[in-house]
Amino acid sequence: MVISSDYALPYSPERAVFPLEWVREDKYFAPVAKVDDAFGDRNLCPCLPVSDYKGPVVDINEM
């Protein structure tokens, strides 16, 4: 069951959640939660800054 069918879109909320019949059988709602509130939202990715990736371009066809 979808929360509400009271809104102004051209399709029902149920159709938005289950656009195809097979999705109804295999739909997975991932559990989500905030990670350390706003700090976690801003600092979730431990990626290096883009500047750390600067270097020579390697052509894989020349390897």
C-alpha atoms as a PDB file:
ATOM      1  CA  MET A   1       0.000   0.000   0.000  1.00  0.00           C
ATOM      2  CA  VAL A   2       1.229   3.463  -0.899  1.00  0.00           C
ATOM      3  CA  ILE A   3       0.805   6.315   1.580  1.00  0.00           C
ATOM      4  CA  SER A   4      -1.669   8.528  -0.280  1.00  0.00           C
ATOM      5  CA  SER A   5      -3.492   8.799  -3.588  1.00  0.00           C
ATOM      6  CA  ASP A   6      -4.269  12.492  -3.059  1.00  0.00           C
ATOM      7  CA  TYR A   7      -1.922  14.562  -5.220  1.00  0.00           C
ATOM      8  CA  ALA A   8      -1.827  16.422  -8.528  1.00  0.00           C
ATOM      9  CA  LEU A   9       0.342  14.234 -10.754  1.00  0.00           C
ATOM     10  CA  PRO A  10      -1.003  12.553 -13.885  1.00  0.00           C
ATOM     11  CA  TYR A  11      -0.412   9.106 -12.367  1.00  0.00           C
ATOM     12  CA  SER A  12      -1.241   7.525  -9.035  1.00  0.00           C
ATOM     13  CA  PRO A  13       1.325   7.200  -6.225  1.00  0.00           C
ATOM     14  CA  GLU A  14       0.970   3.439  -6.547  1.00  0.00           C
ATOM     15  CA  ARG A  15       1.898   3.646 -10.242  1.00  0.00           C
ATOM     16  CA  ALA A  16       4.949   5.748  -9.286  1.00  0.00           C
ATOM     17  CA  VAL A  17       6.127   3.106  -6.816  1.00  0.00           C
ATOM     18  CA  PHE A  18       5.267   0.126  -9.017  1.00  0.00           C
ATOM     19  CA  PRO A  19       5.626   1.295 -12.654  1.00  0.00           C
ATOM     20  CA  LEU A  20       5.680  -2.277 -13.984  1.00  0.00           C
ATOM     21  CA  GLU A  21       3.898  -5.351 -12.679  1.00  0.00           C
ATOM     22  CA  TRP A  22       7.110  -7.309 -12.023  1.00  0.00           C
ATOM     23  CA  VAL A  23       8.360  -4.450  -9.826  1.00  0.00           C
ATOM     24  CA  ARG A  24       5.417  -5.065  -7.488  1.00  0.00           C
ATOM     25  CA  GLU A  25       6.736  -8.578  -6.803  1.00  0.00           C
ATOM     26  CA  ASP A  26      10.442  -7.727  -6.562  1.00  0.00           C
ATOM     27  CA  LYS A  27      10.499  -4.138  -5.227  1.00  0.00           C
ATOM     28  CA  TYR A  28      13.236  -3.506  -2.665  1.00  0.00           C
ATOM     29  CA  PHE A  29      12.956  -0.496  -0.409  1.00  0.00           C
ATOM     30  CA  ALA A  30      16.467   0.179   0.816  1.00  0.00           C
ATOM     31  CA  PRO A  31      16.708   1.136   4.472  1.00  0.00           C
ATOM     32  CA  VAL A  32      17.944   4.697   4.684  1.00  0.00           C
ATOM     33  CA  ALA A  33      18.958   6.917   7.537  1.00  0.00           C
ATOM     34  CA  LYS A  34      21.091   9.966   8.067  1.00  0.00           C
ATOM     35  CA  VAL A  35      24.732   9.372   8.862  1.00  0.00           C
ATOM     36  CA  ASP A  36      25.698  11.720  11.694  1.00  0.00           C
ATOM     37  CA  ASP A  37      23.008  14.247  10.700  1.00  0.00           C
ATOM     38  CA  ALA A  38      24.113  17.179   8.513  1.00  0.00           C
ATOM     39  CA  PHE A  39      27.844  16.582   9.088  1.00  0.00           C
ATOM     40  CA  GLY A  40      27.562  13.071   7.676  1.00  0.00           C
ATOM     41  CA  ASP A  41      25.553  14.289   4.705  1.00  0.00           C
ATOM     42  CA  ARG A  42      28.292  16.765   3.797  1.00  0.00           C
ATOM     43  CA  ASN A  43      31.214  14.446   4.529  1.00  0.00           C
ATOM     44  CA  LEU A  44      29.928  11.041   3.465  1.00  0.00           C
ATOM     45  CA  CYS A  45      32.356  10.467   0.600  1.00  0.00           C
ATOM     46  CA  PRO A  46      35.935   9.794   1.684  1.00  0.00           C
ATOM     47  CA  CYS A  47      37.082  10.492  -1.878  1.00  0.00           C
ATOM     48  CA  LEU A  48      40.260  12.330  -2.690  1.00  0.00           C
ATOM     49  CA  PRO A  49      39.965  15.873  -4.019  1.00  0.00           C
ATOM     50  CA  VAL A  50      39.865  16.095  -7.823  1.00  0.00           C
ATOM     51  CA  SER A  51      43.227  17.887  -7.801  1.00  0.00           C
ATOM     52  CA  ASP A  52      44.863  14.679  -6.476  1.00  0.00           C
ATOM     53  CA  TYR A  53      43.932  12.906  -9.708  1.00  0.00           C
ATOM     54  CA  LYS A  54      45.923  15.274 -11.927  1.00  0.00           C
ATOM     55  CA  GLY A  55      48.602  13.502 -13.880  1.00  0.00           C
ATOM     56  CA  PRO A  56      49.571  12.341 -17.333  1.00  0.00           C
ATOM     57  CA  VAL A  57      46.849  10.908 -19.526  1.00  0.00           C
ATOM     58  CA  VAL A  58      47.438   7.246 -20.335  1.00  0.00           C
ATOM     59  CA  ASP A  59      46.160   5.823 -23.606  1.00  0.00           C
ATOM     60  CA  ILE A  60      45.187   2.216 -22.899  1.00  0.00           C
ATOM     61  CA  ASN A  61      45.562   1.401 -26.599  1.00  0.00           C
ATOM     62  CA  GLU A  62      49.311   2.064 -26.324  1.00  0.00           C
ATOM     63  CA  MET A  63      49.789  -0.441 -23.501  1.00  0.00           C
END
